[in-house]
Amino acid sequence: MATVAKDAAMSVQSGAKVKKSGARVTKLVVVEPETPKGEFTIVFSMSHAAADGHDYYRILNMLCGTDPVEAMDPVRVAAYETRESEWTGVKDFNFLTSGGLIKGMLGGMLCGPKAAWCCYKVDAGKVEAAKAASVRGAANLGANGINGINFVSTNDVLTSHFCRATTARVCMMVVNFRDKTDLNITDKHAGCYEGCLLLDAENYADPACIRASLNAGLPYTRQMPSPPLPGLCGSCPMAFITSWANGAVAGGRFNAADVDGVDAQSLHLPCMDMPDMMDVAIVFKPTPEECAVIYLAKRSRGKLTGNDSVLGAPVEPVMFPDA
């Protein structure tokens, strides 16, 4: 996957190179079938300097789904940057450029265990059981319990499962801020409009803790009592999770079989060139009917499966032998 992401013939250049060279920010490559009417591959890449996962799948849904082809709004909403600390709180926002975070990333790169890619399908039955257990137990969490939790999402469950496997001091969970602020940033706006909800052990211990942080609204931050975010002197193993599997991102619309001449979609797979500095998880849909998670497993390596796991079979055992 890293090879595909780095191959200039297959994908766009990194953000720094795009800015310097003025190269394309989007590229679509079709790898032709080896036999007539055989399987073929579409490699669709986009520079994160210009867009985020929401834009990627909005456009991919137009190319390989049933969404109508329509222009998005590329005009930047400048107030998003000037007010960005409001979305997650000043302390959390400043942490993303702090010495504590930089130390955590460098420590992971230089001293942490070696990471490996693995990819598993999500077991829908186990996820539903985990949701029900989380809602039932929410009132008993923490010193005073969590009230008003009548629902937790699949992403809440998968994020809690991943974070607990990593034992991260801080996990960054990506949040799409379209339609979540008082700015008129909608599904039609192109550009990077995401931020990070920062979670620690007390706030990823259970899916209900994550849901409480989201239910509280702006600023999106931890709701369970926990220590301050680490500084230069504190240990800070990091983790990162993003979802490309729900709502406006992928939904049920993305299906290559909607393309004329295509009988079925065998596999959709996200490819990211991620440095080996922290555990990473990407929730996605390998087929329109399934959900899966691809991991750059570092501290979580060997801990993602087991009796309490919500994961099922590997997505592609040949491609991901470590799974």
Foldseek 3Di string as FASTA:
>chain_A
DLCQDPDVVREPHEPVVCVVPVDDQWDWDKADDPDVLDDIDIRIYGYQQFFDLLVSQLVLLCVQFDDPDDAFAADDPVVCVVCVCFQAHVQVVVVVVALQVVVQQVCQQPPFFAWAKFKFFFQVVLLVVQFVVQQVCQCVAAPGGDPDPPGFDSVLQVQLLVCVLLLFQKEWEKDQCAVQDPDNRHSRYGGDRIGTEIDGCSQSNGSVQQVVLVVVGINRYGDHDDDRRDHNPDHGAYEYEYEQADDSRHALGRWNCVDPSDPGQLFDDDDDNDRRRHKYKYWHAGHSVTIMIMIRDTSSQPPQDDDSHRTDGTPDCVVRVSD
